[in-house]
Amino acid sequence: MRVIAGSAKGRSLASVPGTATRPITDRVKESLFNILGDAVIGAHFLDLFAGTGGVGIEALSRGAERAVFVEHNRRAIATIRENLRTTGLATRAQVQQADVFSYLKKTPSQPFDFIYVAPPQYEGLWLDTVHALDKLPWLAPDGEIIVQIFPKELQPFALEHLTIFEQRQYGSTLLVFLARREDVAEDGE
């Protein structure tokens, strides 16, 4: 695992000891950031179920203004902090050791341009997280939520304020992109 582009390009990232996390592969991460492009520059990025912190760190390396990493696992928190130190990006990062659902019950002080959701597989946590994000103004206007799941986890669901606008599959990883309904409607006109 490494940082693919930007100010920390090529730096290796530590893995979380054990099997509690499933880091995104470099191939999928590179594809994701090719899709997001320059929109990451100056963005506020929320990395939920952050694991190693690899996605939020990639965003910071590519010019995101700040990233917040939310993770419950103590070993993962230590790994995120180590990876932020290794990449020199800690000054623009905030690491929160918290349960994602407790964190999302708060009203955000500022919405995020990008929210990345990569929970443990087959526990329904991705859908619970999307429903939680649908209730409060976590997403900035024109922002995007990206959910990383195993393709077979995708199921029909209804949301009040958010909608899926794109899906990309890379082997056994599916990226589901969501935005506010009104933003998708405006783009489609």
N, C-alpha and C. Protein backbone atom coordinates (compact mmCIF):
# COMPACT_ATOMS: atom_id res chain seq x y z
N MET A 1 0.85 -1.19 0.00
CA MET A 1 0.00 0.00 0.00
C MET A 1 0.89 1.24 0.00
N ARG A 2 0.50 2.19 -0.83
CA ARG A 2 1.32 3.40 -0.94
C ARG A 2 0.44 4.58 -1.32
N VAL A 3 1.01 5.77 -1.21
CA VAL A 3 0.35 6.97 -1.72
C VAL A 3 0.68 7.04 -3.20
N ILE A 4 -0.34 7.23 -4.02
CA ILE A 4 -0.17 7.12 -5.47
C ILE A 4 0.28 8.41 -6.12
N ALA A 5 -0.23 9.55 -5.67
CA ALA A 5 0.09 10.81 -6.33
C ALA A 5 0.11 11.95 -5.32
N GLY A 6 0.63 13.09 -5.76
CA GLY A 6 0.60 14.28 -4.92
C GLY A 6 1.86 14.46 -4.09
N SER A 7 1.74 15.26 -3.04
CA SER A 7 2.90 15.65 -2.24
C SER A 7 3.57 14.49 -1.51
N ALA A 8 2.84 13.43 -1.22
CA ALA A 8 3.41 12.27 -0.52
C ALA A 8 3.57 11.07 -1.45
N LYS A 9 3.57 11.31 -2.74
CA LYS A 9 3.63 10.24 -3.75
C LYS A 9 4.76 9.25 -3.44
N GLY A 10 4.40 7.95 -3.52
CA GLY A 10 5.39 6.90 -3.35
C GLY A 10 5.63 6.47 -1.91
N ARG A 11 5.15 7.23 -0.95
CA ARG A 11 5.35 6.84 0.46
C ARG A 11 4.55 5.59 0.77
N SER A 12 5.17 4.65 1.45
CA SER A 12 4.49 3.43 1.86
C SER A 12 3.61 3.70 3.07
N LEU A 13 2.47 3.01 3.12
CA LEU A 13 1.55 3.13 4.25
C LEU A 13 1.55 1.82 5.03
N ALA A 14 1.55 1.95 6.35
CA ALA A 14 1.49 0.78 7.22
C ALA A 14 0.09 0.18 7.18
N SER A 15 0.02 -1.12 7.40
CA SER A 15 -1.26 -1.82 7.48
C SER A 15 -1.65 -1.97 8.95
N VAL A 16 -2.94 -2.11 9.18
CA VAL A 16 -3.43 -2.37 10.53
C VAL A 16 -3.15 -3.83 10.85
N PRO A 17 -2.52 -4.10 12.00
CA PRO A 17 -2.27 -5.50 12.36
C PRO A 17 -3.59 -6.28 12.49
N GLY A 18 -3.57 -7.55 12.09
CA GLY A 18 -4.75 -8.39 12.19
C GLY A 18 -5.60 -8.33 10.94
N THR A 19 -6.82 -8.84 11.04
CA THR A 19 -7.71 -8.94 9.87
C THR A 19 -8.97 -8.09 10.04
N ALA A 20 -8.95 -7.13 10.95
CA ALA A 20 -10.15 -6.33 11.23
C ALA A 20 -10.45 -5.31 10.14
N THR A 21 -9.47 -4.97 9.31
CA THR A 21 -9.70 -3.98 8.26
C THR A 21 -9.39 -4.59 6.90
N ARG A 22 -9.97 -3.99 5.86
CA ARG A 22 -9.70 -4.43 4.49
C ARG A 22 -9.32 -3.20 3.67
N PRO A 23 -8.02 -2.93 3.58
CA PRO A 23 -7.60 -1.73 2.86
C PRO A 23 -7.98 -1.77 1.38
N ILE A 24 -8.21 -0.61 0.84
CA ILE A 24 -8.48 -0.48 -0.58
C ILE A 24 -7.20 -0.79 -1.35
N THR A 25 -7.33 -1.47 -2.47
CA THR A 25 -6.13 -1.76 -3.26
C THR A 25 -5.66 -0.49 -3.96
N ASP A 26 -4.38 -0.47 -4.29
CA ASP A 26 -3.84 0.70 -5.00
C ASP A 26 -4.57 0.91 -6.32
N ARG A 27 -4.92 -0.18 -7.00
CA ARG A 27 -5.60 -0.08 -8.30
C ARG A 27 -6.95 0.62 -8.15
N VAL A 28 -7.74 0.22 -7.15
CA VAL A 28 -9.05 0.82 -6.94
C VAL A 28 -8.90 2.27 -6.48
N LYS A 29 -7.94 2.50 -5.61
CA LYS A 29 -7.71 3.87 -5.11
C LYS A 29 -7.30 4.80 -6.26
N GLU A 30 -6.42 4.32 -7.12
CA GLU A 30 -6.01 5.14 -8.27
C GLU A 30 -7.21 5.44 -9.18
N SER A 31 -8.03 4.43 -9.44
CA SER A 31 -9.22 4.62 -10.27
C SER A 31 -10.17 5.62 -9.62
N LEU A 32 -10.39 5.50 -8.32
CA LEU A 32 -11.26 6.43 -7.61
C LEU A 32 -10.77 7.86 -7.77
N PHE A 33 -9.50 8.09 -7.54
CA PHE A 33 -9.00 9.47 -7.60
C PHE A 33 -8.89 9.98 -9.04
N ASN A 34 -8.78 9.09 -10.01
CA ASN A 34 -8.87 9.53 -11.40
C ASN A 34 -10.28 10.03 -11.69
N ILE A 35 -11.28 9.37 -11.11
CA ILE A 35 -12.67 9.82 -11.28
C ILE A 35 -12.89 11.18 -10.59
N LEU A 36 -12.40 11.31 -9.35
CA LEU A 36 -12.61 12.55 -8.59
C LEU A 36 -11.82 13.72 -9.18
N GLY A 37 -10.64 13.43 -9.72
CA GLY A 37 -9.83 14.44 -10.39
C GLY A 37 -9.48 15.64 -9.52
N ASP A 38 -9.47 16.80 -10.13
CA ASP A 38 -9.07 18.04 -9.45
C ASP A 38 -10.09 18.53 -8.44
N ALA A 39 -11.27 17.93 -8.40
CA ALA A 39 -12.27 18.34 -7.41
C ALA A 39 -11.79 18.10 -5.98
N VAL A 40 -10.78 17.27 -5.81
CA VAL A 40 -10.22 16.99 -4.48
C VAL A 40 -9.44 18.20 -3.95
N ILE A 41 -8.89 19.00 -4.84
CA ILE A 41 -8.06 20.14 -4.43
C ILE A 41 -8.91 21.12 -3.64
N GLY A 42 -8.47 21.39 -2.41
CA GLY A 42 -9.18 22.33 -1.54
C GLY A 42 -10.40 21.75 -0.85
N ALA A 43 -10.68 20.47 -1.07
CA ALA A 43 -11.89 19.83 -0.54
C ALA A 43 -11.74 19.46 0.93
N HIS A 44 -12.90 19.29 1.56
CA HIS A 44 -12.98 18.74 2.92
C HIS A 44 -13.44 17.30 2.76
N PHE A 45 -12.67 16.37 3.34
CA PHE A 45 -12.83 14.95 3.08
C PHE A 45 -13.11 14.22 4.39
N LEU A 46 -14.14 13.39 4.43
CA LEU A 46 -14.48 12.59 5.60
C LEU A 46 -14.27 11.12 5.25
N ASP A 47 -13.41 10.45 6.00
CA ASP A 47 -13.08 9.04 5.77
C ASP A 47 -13.68 8.24 6.92
N LEU A 48 -14.82 7.56 6.66
CA LEU A 48 -15.52 6.79 7.68
C LEU A 48 -15.10 5.32 7.63
N PHE A 49 -14.96 4.69 8.78
CA PHE A 49 -14.39 3.34 8.88
C PHE A 49 -13.01 3.40 8.22
N ALA A 50 -12.20 4.33 8.68
CA ALA A 50 -10.99 4.74 7.97
C ALA A 50 -9.91 3.68 7.85
N GLY A 51 -9.87 2.68 8.71
CA GLY A 51 -8.87 1.62 8.58
C GLY A 51 -7.46 2.14 8.66
N THR A 52 -6.72 2.06 7.57
CA THR A 52 -5.34 2.56 7.51
C THR A 52 -5.27 4.06 7.27
N GLY A 53 -6.41 4.63 6.84
CA GLY A 53 -6.44 6.04 6.48
C GLY A 53 -6.00 6.29 5.04
N GLY A 54 -5.80 5.23 4.28
CA GLY A 54 -5.24 5.35 2.94
C GLY A 54 -6.01 6.26 1.99
N VAL A 55 -7.34 6.25 2.06
CA VAL A 55 -8.13 7.07 1.14
C VAL A 55 -8.04 8.55 1.53
N GLY A 56 -8.23 8.85 2.80
CA GLY A 56 -8.13 10.24 3.26
C GLY A 56 -6.73 10.80 3.07
N ILE A 57 -5.73 9.96 3.28
CA ILE A 57 -4.33 10.39 3.08
C ILE A 57 -4.07 10.68 1.61
N GLU A 58 -4.61 9.84 0.73
CA GLU A 58 -4.48 10.10 -0.71
C GLU A 58 -5.11 11.45 -1.07
N ALA A 59 -6.28 11.72 -0.48
CA ALA A 59 -6.95 13.00 -0.74
C ALA A 59 -6.09 14.17 -0.27
N LEU A 60 -5.51 14.06 0.92
CA LEU A 60 -4.64 15.13 1.43
C LEU A 60 -3.41 15.30 0.53
N SER A 61 -2.82 14.19 0.12
CA SER A 61 -1.64 14.25 -0.74
C SER A 61 -1.96 14.95 -2.07
N ARG A 62 -3.19 14.78 -2.54
CA ARG A 62 -3.60 15.38 -3.81
C ARG A 62 -4.19 16.78 -3.65
N GLY A 63 -4.11 17.35 -2.45
CA GLY A 63 -4.48 18.75 -2.29
C GLY A 63 -5.73 19.04 -1.52
N ALA A 64 -6.37 18.04 -0.90
CA ALA A 64 -7.53 18.32 -0.06
C ALA A 64 -7.10 19.25 1.07
N GLU A 65 -7.98 20.17 1.43
CA GLU A 65 -7.66 21.13 2.48
C GLU A 65 -7.56 20.45 3.84
N ARG A 66 -8.50 19.54 4.11
CA ARG A 66 -8.45 18.80 5.37
C ARG A 66 -9.17 17.48 5.21
N ALA A 67 -8.82 16.55 6.12
CA ALA A 67 -9.48 15.25 6.15
C ALA A 67 -9.73 14.87 7.60
N VAL A 68 -10.91 14.31 7.82
CA VAL A 68 -11.27 13.78 9.13
C VAL A 68 -11.39 12.27 8.98
N PHE A 69 -10.71 11.55 9.87
CA PHE A 69 -10.68 10.09 9.85
C PHE A 69 -11.46 9.60 11.07
N VAL A 70 -12.50 8.80 10.84
CA VAL A 70 -13.30 8.26 11.93
C VAL A 70 -13.15 6.74 11.93
N GLU A 71 -12.69 6.24 13.05
CA GLU A 71 -12.42 4.80 13.18
C GLU A 71 -12.57 4.43 14.65
N HIS A 72 -13.14 3.27 14.90
CA HIS A 72 -13.37 2.80 16.27
C HIS A 72 -12.20 1.95 16.79
N ASN A 73 -11.58 1.19 15.91
CA ASN A 73 -10.54 0.24 16.27
C ASN A 73 -9.25 0.97 16.71
N ARG A 74 -8.81 0.65 17.92
CA ARG A 74 -7.63 1.33 18.50
C ARG A 74 -6.37 1.09 17.66
N ARG A 75 -6.18 -0.13 17.17
CA ARG A 75 -5.00 -0.42 16.35
C ARG A 75 -5.04 0.39 15.05
N ALA A 76 -6.23 0.51 14.48
CA ALA A 76 -6.37 1.29 13.24
C ALA A 76 -6.06 2.77 13.51
N ILE A 77 -6.51 3.29 14.64
CA ILE A 77 -6.23 4.69 14.98
C ILE A 77 -4.72 4.92 15.05
N ALA A 78 -4.00 4.00 15.70
CA ALA A 78 -2.54 4.12 15.79
C ALA A 78 -1.91 4.07 14.40
N THR A 79 -2.45 3.21 13.53
CA THR A 79 -1.93 3.09 12.17
C THR A 79 -2.18 4.36 11.36
N ILE A 80 -3.37 4.92 11.48
CA ILE A 80 -3.68 6.17 10.78
C ILE A 80 -2.71 7.26 11.22
N ARG A 81 -2.51 7.40 12.51
CA ARG A 81 -1.59 8.43 13.02
C ARG A 81 -0.17 8.21 12.52
N GLU A 82 0.26 6.94 12.50
CA GLU A 82 1.60 6.62 11.99
C GLU A 82 1.69 6.99 10.50
N ASN A 83 0.67 6.65 9.72
CA ASN A 83 0.68 6.95 8.29
C ASN A 83 0.65 8.45 8.03
N LEU A 84 -0.07 9.20 8.85
CA LEU A 84 -0.08 10.66 8.71
C LEU A 84 1.29 11.25 9.01
N ARG A 85 1.97 10.72 10.03
CA ARG A 85 3.32 11.19 10.35
C ARG A 85 4.28 10.85 9.21
N THR A 86 4.20 9.61 8.71
CA THR A 86 5.08 9.15 7.64
C THR A 86 4.95 10.02 6.38
N THR A 87 3.73 10.43 6.09
CA THR A 87 3.48 11.21 4.87
C THR A 87 3.63 12.71 5.08
N GLY A 88 3.77 13.14 6.34
CA GLY A 88 3.89 14.57 6.62
C GLY A 88 2.59 15.34 6.45
N LEU A 89 1.46 14.65 6.56
CA LEU A 89 0.16 15.29 6.30
C LEU A 89 -0.69 15.49 7.56
N ALA A 90 -0.10 15.25 8.72
CA ALA A 90 -0.87 15.29 9.97
C ALA A 90 -1.45 16.66 10.30
N THR A 91 -0.84 17.73 9.84
CA THR A 91 -1.32 19.07 10.21
C THR A 91 -2.67 19.40 9.59
N ARG A 92 -3.04 18.71 8.53
CA ARG A 92 -4.34 18.96 7.88
C ARG A 92 -5.35 17.85 8.16
N ALA A 93 -5.04 17.04 9.17
CA ALA A 93 -5.89 15.88 9.46
C ALA A 93 -6.41 15.95 10.89
N GLN A 94 -7.57 15.35 11.07
CA GLN A 94 -8.15 15.17 12.40
C GLN A 94 -8.54 13.70 12.50
N VAL A 95 -8.06 13.05 13.55
CA VAL A 95 -8.33 11.62 13.75
C VAL A 95 -9.27 11.48 14.93
N GLN A 96 -10.41 10.85 14.68
CA GLN A 96 -11.45 10.67 15.71
C GLN A 96 -11.60 9.18 16.02
N GLN A 97 -11.27 8.79 17.25
CA GLN A 97 -11.56 7.42 17.65
C GLN A 97 -12.99 7.41 18.15
N ALA A 98 -13.89 6.88 17.33
CA ALA A 98 -15.31 6.90 17.67
C ALA A 98 -16.05 5.87 16.83
N ASP A 99 -17.18 5.45 17.34
CA ASP A 99 -18.10 4.65 16.56
C ASP A 99 -18.69 5.57 15.48
N VAL A 100 -18.69 5.12 14.24
CA VAL A 100 -19.17 5.95 13.13
C VAL A 100 -20.60 6.42 13.37
N PHE A 101 -21.47 5.57 13.87
CA PHE A 101 -22.87 5.94 14.04
C PHE A 101 -23.05 6.97 15.16
N SER A 102 -22.26 6.88 16.21
CA SER A 102 -22.29 7.91 17.26
C SER A 102 -21.79 9.23 16.69
N TYR A 103 -20.73 9.16 15.91
CA TYR A 103 -20.17 10.36 15.28
C TYR A 103 -21.20 11.04 14.37
N LEU A 104 -21.93 10.24 13.60
CA LEU A 104 -22.89 10.79 12.64
C LEU A 104 -24.17 11.30 13.28
N LYS A 105 -24.39 11.04 14.55
CA LYS A 105 -25.57 11.58 15.24
C LYS A 105 -25.41 13.06 15.55
N LYS A 106 -24.18 13.53 15.56
CA LYS A 106 -23.92 14.95 15.82
C LYS A 106 -24.27 15.77 14.57
N THR A 107 -24.57 17.02 14.80
CA THR A 107 -24.74 17.93 13.67
C THR A 107 -23.35 18.41 13.26
N PRO A 108 -22.99 18.26 12.01
CA PRO A 108 -21.64 18.65 11.59
C PRO A 108 -21.42 20.16 11.68
N SER A 109 -20.21 20.55 12.07
CA SER A 109 -19.90 21.98 12.12
C SER A 109 -19.74 22.53 10.71
N GLN A 110 -19.36 21.68 9.79
CA GLN A 110 -19.19 22.08 8.40
C GLN A 110 -19.39 20.83 7.53
N PRO A 111 -20.13 20.94 6.43
CA PRO A 111 -20.33 19.76 5.58
C PRO A 111 -19.04 19.41 4.83
N PHE A 112 -19.02 18.19 4.33
CA PHE A 112 -17.85 17.66 3.63
C PHE A 112 -18.13 17.57 2.13
N ASP A 113 -17.09 17.82 1.34
CA ASP A 113 -17.19 17.73 -0.11
C ASP A 113 -17.20 16.27 -0.57
N PHE A 114 -16.46 15.43 0.15
CA PHE A 114 -16.39 14.01 -0.15
C PHE A 114 -16.48 13.22 1.14
N ILE A 115 -17.28 12.18 1.12
CA ILE A 115 -17.40 11.27 2.26
C ILE A 115 -17.16 9.87 1.73
N TYR A 116 -16.14 9.22 2.29
CA TYR A 116 -15.80 7.86 1.87
C TYR A 116 -16.24 6.88 2.95
N VAL A 117 -16.98 5.87 2.55
CA VAL A 117 -17.56 4.89 3.47
C VAL A 117 -17.05 3.50 3.09
N ALA A 118 -16.26 2.86 3.97
CA ALA A 118 -15.72 1.54 3.67
C ALA A 118 -15.80 0.65 4.91
N PRO A 119 -17.01 0.25 5.30
CA PRO A 119 -17.16 -0.54 6.52
C PRO A 119 -16.84 -2.02 6.31
N PRO A 120 -16.78 -2.79 7.40
CA PRO A 120 -16.61 -4.23 7.26
C PRO A 120 -17.70 -4.82 6.36
N GLN A 121 -17.34 -5.83 5.60
CA GLN A 121 -18.27 -6.42 4.64
C GLN A 121 -19.35 -7.26 5.32
N TYR A 122 -20.46 -7.39 4.65
CA TYR A 122 -21.57 -8.28 4.99
C TYR A 122 -22.18 -8.05 6.36
N GLU A 123 -22.10 -6.84 6.86
CA GLU A 123 -22.75 -6.53 8.13
C GLU A 123 -23.86 -5.50 7.96
N GLY A 124 -24.10 -5.06 6.73
CA GLY A 124 -25.14 -4.07 6.47
C GLY A 124 -24.77 -2.67 6.94
N LEU A 125 -23.53 -2.49 7.35
CA LEU A 125 -23.11 -1.19 7.91
C LEU A 125 -23.07 -0.10 6.85
N TRP A 126 -22.78 -0.47 5.61
CA TRP A 126 -22.72 0.55 4.55
C TRP A 126 -24.09 1.20 4.37
N LEU A 127 -25.13 0.40 4.37
CA LEU A 127 -26.47 0.92 4.16
C LEU A 127 -26.93 1.73 5.38
N ASP A 128 -26.63 1.24 6.58
CA ASP A 128 -26.95 2.01 7.79
C ASP A 128 -26.24 3.36 7.78
N THR A 129 -25.01 3.37 7.28
CA THR A 129 -24.24 4.61 7.21
C THR A 129 -24.85 5.59 6.21
N VAL A 130 -25.23 5.08 5.06
CA VAL A 130 -25.86 5.94 4.05
C VAL A 130 -27.17 6.51 4.58
N HIS A 131 -27.96 5.71 5.27
CA HIS A 131 -29.20 6.22 5.87
C HIS A 131 -28.91 7.31 6.90
N ALA A 132 -27.85 7.13 7.70
CA ALA A 132 -27.47 8.15 8.68
C ALA A 132 -27.04 9.43 7.99
N LEU A 133 -26.29 9.32 6.91
CA LEU A 133 -25.85 10.50 6.16
C LEU A 133 -27.01 11.20 5.48
N ASP A 134 -28.07 10.47 5.18
CA ASP A 134 -29.25 11.03 4.53
C ASP A 134 -30.04 11.93 5.48
N LYS A 135 -29.86 11.74 6.78
CA LYS A 135 -30.67 12.46 7.77
C LYS A 135 -30.15 13.85 8.15
N LEU A 136 -28.83 14.02 8.13
CA LEU A 136 -28.23 15.29 8.57
C LEU A 136 -27.37 15.88 7.45
N PRO A 137 -27.12 17.18 7.51
CA PRO A 137 -26.40 17.86 6.40
C PRO A 137 -24.88 17.62 6.42
N TRP A 138 -24.47 16.36 6.31
CA TRP A 138 -23.04 16.04 6.28
C TRP A 138 -22.41 16.36 4.93
N LEU A 139 -23.20 16.30 3.87
CA LEU A 139 -22.66 16.46 2.52
C LEU A 139 -22.88 17.87 2.01
N ALA A 140 -21.81 18.48 1.54
CA ALA A 140 -21.88 19.83 0.98
C ALA A 140 -22.64 19.81 -0.34
N PRO A 141 -23.21 20.95 -0.73
CA PRO A 141 -23.81 21.03 -2.07
C PRO A 141 -22.77 20.62 -3.11
N ASP A 142 -23.19 19.86 -4.08
CA ASP A 142 -22.32 19.31 -5.13
C ASP A 142 -21.29 18.31 -4.60
N GLY A 143 -21.45 17.87 -3.35
CA GLY A 143 -20.54 16.88 -2.78
C GLY A 143 -20.91 15.48 -3.21
N GLU A 144 -20.03 14.52 -2.88
CA GLU A 144 -20.25 13.13 -3.24
C GLU A 144 -19.94 12.22 -2.07
N ILE A 145 -20.73 11.17 -1.95
CA ILE A 145 -20.45 10.07 -1.03
C ILE A 145 -20.02 8.90 -1.88
N ILE A 146 -18.94 8.25 -1.47
CA ILE A 146 -18.46 7.08 -2.19
C ILE A 146 -18.46 5.92 -1.21
N VAL A 147 -19.16 4.85 -1.56
CA VAL A 147 -19.26 3.68 -0.71
C VAL A 147 -18.49 2.54 -1.36
N GLN A 148 -17.61 1.91 -0.58
CA GLN A 148 -16.82 0.77 -1.05
C GLN A 148 -17.43 -0.50 -0.45
N ILE A 149 -17.97 -1.37 -1.32
CA ILE A 149 -18.58 -2.62 -0.85
C ILE A 149 -18.22 -3.78 -1.78
N PHE A 150 -18.51 -4.98 -1.31
CA PHE A 150 -18.43 -6.16 -2.17
C PHE A 150 -19.66 -6.11 -3.06
N PRO A 151 -19.55 -6.37 -4.36
CA PRO A 151 -20.69 -6.19 -5.27
C PRO A 151 -21.99 -6.87 -4.84
N LYS A 152 -21.91 -8.04 -4.24
CA LYS A 152 -23.12 -8.75 -3.84
C LYS A 152 -23.85 -8.10 -2.67
N GLU A 153 -23.21 -7.13 -2.02
CA GLU A 153 -23.86 -6.43 -0.91
C GLU A 153 -24.89 -5.40 -1.39
N LEU A 154 -24.77 -4.95 -2.64
CA LEU A 154 -25.68 -3.93 -3.13
C LEU A 154 -27.09 -4.48 -3.19
N GLN A 155 -28.02 -3.71 -2.67
CA GLN A 155 -29.43 -4.10 -2.66
C GLN A 155 -30.26 -2.85 -2.88
N PRO A 156 -31.49 -3.01 -3.30
CA PRO A 156 -32.35 -1.84 -3.49
C PRO A 156 -32.60 -1.15 -2.14
N PHE A 157 -32.63 0.17 -2.17
CA PHE A 157 -32.92 0.94 -0.97
C PHE A 157 -33.45 2.30 -1.38
N ALA A 158 -34.15 2.93 -0.45
CA ALA A 158 -34.73 4.26 -0.71
C ALA A 158 -34.13 5.27 0.25
N LEU A 159 -33.88 6.46 -0.27
CA LEU A 159 -33.36 7.56 0.53
C LEU A 159 -34.20 8.80 0.26
N GLU A 160 -34.22 9.70 1.21
CA GLU A 160 -35.00 10.92 1.05
C GLU A 160 -34.24 12.01 0.31
N HIS A 161 -32.97 12.21 0.68
CA HIS A 161 -32.22 13.35 0.14
C HIS A 161 -31.08 12.96 -0.79
N LEU A 162 -30.68 11.70 -0.78
CA LEU A 162 -29.54 11.25 -1.57
C LEU A 162 -29.99 10.27 -2.65
N THR A 163 -29.17 10.15 -3.69
CA THR A 163 -29.45 9.18 -4.75
C THR A 163 -28.14 8.68 -5.35
N ILE A 164 -28.15 7.45 -5.85
CA ILE A 164 -27.00 6.90 -6.56
C ILE A 164 -26.95 7.53 -7.95
N PHE A 165 -25.76 7.98 -8.35
CA PHE A 165 -25.63 8.50 -9.70
C PHE A 165 -24.59 7.75 -10.53
N GLU A 166 -23.82 6.86 -9.89
CA GLU A 166 -22.83 6.09 -10.65
C GLU A 166 -22.36 4.90 -9.82
N GLN A 167 -21.95 3.84 -10.52
CA GLN A 167 -21.35 2.68 -9.89
C GLN A 167 -20.18 2.23 -10.75
N ARG A 168 -19.10 1.82 -10.10
CA ARG A 168 -17.94 1.30 -10.82
C ARG A 168 -17.45 0.05 -10.10
N GLN A 169 -17.26 -1.02 -10.86
CA GLN A 169 -16.79 -2.26 -10.26
C GLN A 169 -15.37 -2.55 -10.71
N TYR A 170 -14.52 -2.92 -9.73
CA TYR A 170 -13.13 -3.29 -9.97
C TYR A 170 -12.92 -4.64 -9.29
N GLY A 171 -13.07 -5.73 -10.03
CA GLY A 171 -12.95 -7.06 -9.44
C GLY A 171 -13.99 -7.26 -8.36
N SER A 172 -13.53 -7.52 -7.14
CA SER A 172 -14.45 -7.78 -6.03
C SER A 172 -14.76 -6.52 -5.23
N THR A 173 -14.50 -5.36 -5.80
CA THR A 173 -14.81 -4.09 -5.14
C THR A 173 -15.77 -3.28 -6.00
N LEU A 174 -16.85 -2.83 -5.37
CA LEU A 174 -17.81 -1.96 -6.04
C LEU A 174 -17.77 -0.60 -5.37
N LEU A 175 -17.61 0.43 -6.16
CA LEU A 175 -17.71 1.81 -5.66
C LEU A 175 -19.06 2.35 -6.10
N VAL A 176 -19.84 2.80 -5.12
CA VAL A 176 -21.16 3.36 -5.36
C VAL A 176 -21.09 4.85 -5.04
N PHE A 177 -21.44 5.69 -5.99
CA PHE A 177 -21.36 7.14 -5.84
C PHE A 177 -22.76 7.70 -5.61
N LEU A 178 -22.90 8.50 -4.56
CA LEU A 178 -24.19 9.13 -4.25
C LEU A 178 -23.99 10.63 -4.15
N ALA A 179 -25.06 11.36 -4.41
CA ALA A 179 -25.08 12.81 -4.28
C ALA A 179 -26.46 13.24 -3.81
N ARG A 180 -26.59 14.52 -3.50
CA ARG A 180 -27.91 15.05 -3.15
C ARG A 180 -28.80 14.95 -4.39
N ARG A 181 -30.06 14.64 -4.17
CA ARG A 181 -31.00 14.51 -5.29
C ARG A 181 -31.03 15.76 -6.16
N GLU A 182 -31.08 16.93 -5.51
CA GLU A 182 -31.19 18.18 -6.28
C GLU A 182 -29.94 18.44 -7.13
N ASP A 183 -28.76 17.98 -6.65
CA ASP A 183 -27.54 18.18 -7.42
C ASP A 183 -27.54 17.29 -8.66
N VAL A 184 -28.02 16.07 -8.53
CA VAL A 184 -28.08 15.14 -9.66
C VAL A 184 -29.13 15.64 -10.66
N ALA A 185 -30.27 16.16 -10.16
CA ALA A 185 -31.32 16.67 -11.05
C ALA A 185 -30.81 17.86 -11.85
N GLU A 186 -30.05 18.75 -11.19
CA GLU A 186 -29.51 19.93 -11.88
C GLU A 186 -28.53 19.52 -12.97
N ASP A 187 -27.68 18.51 -12.69
CA ASP A 187 -26.70 18.06 -13.67
C ASP A 187 -27.38 17.41 -14.87
N GLY A 188 -28.54 16.78 -14.64
CA GLY A 188 -29.23 16.07 -15.70
C GLY A 188 -30.06 16.98 -16.60
N GLU A 189 -30.24 18.23 -16.24
CA GLU A 189 -31.06 19.15 -17.04
C GLU A 189 -30.32 19.70 -18.24
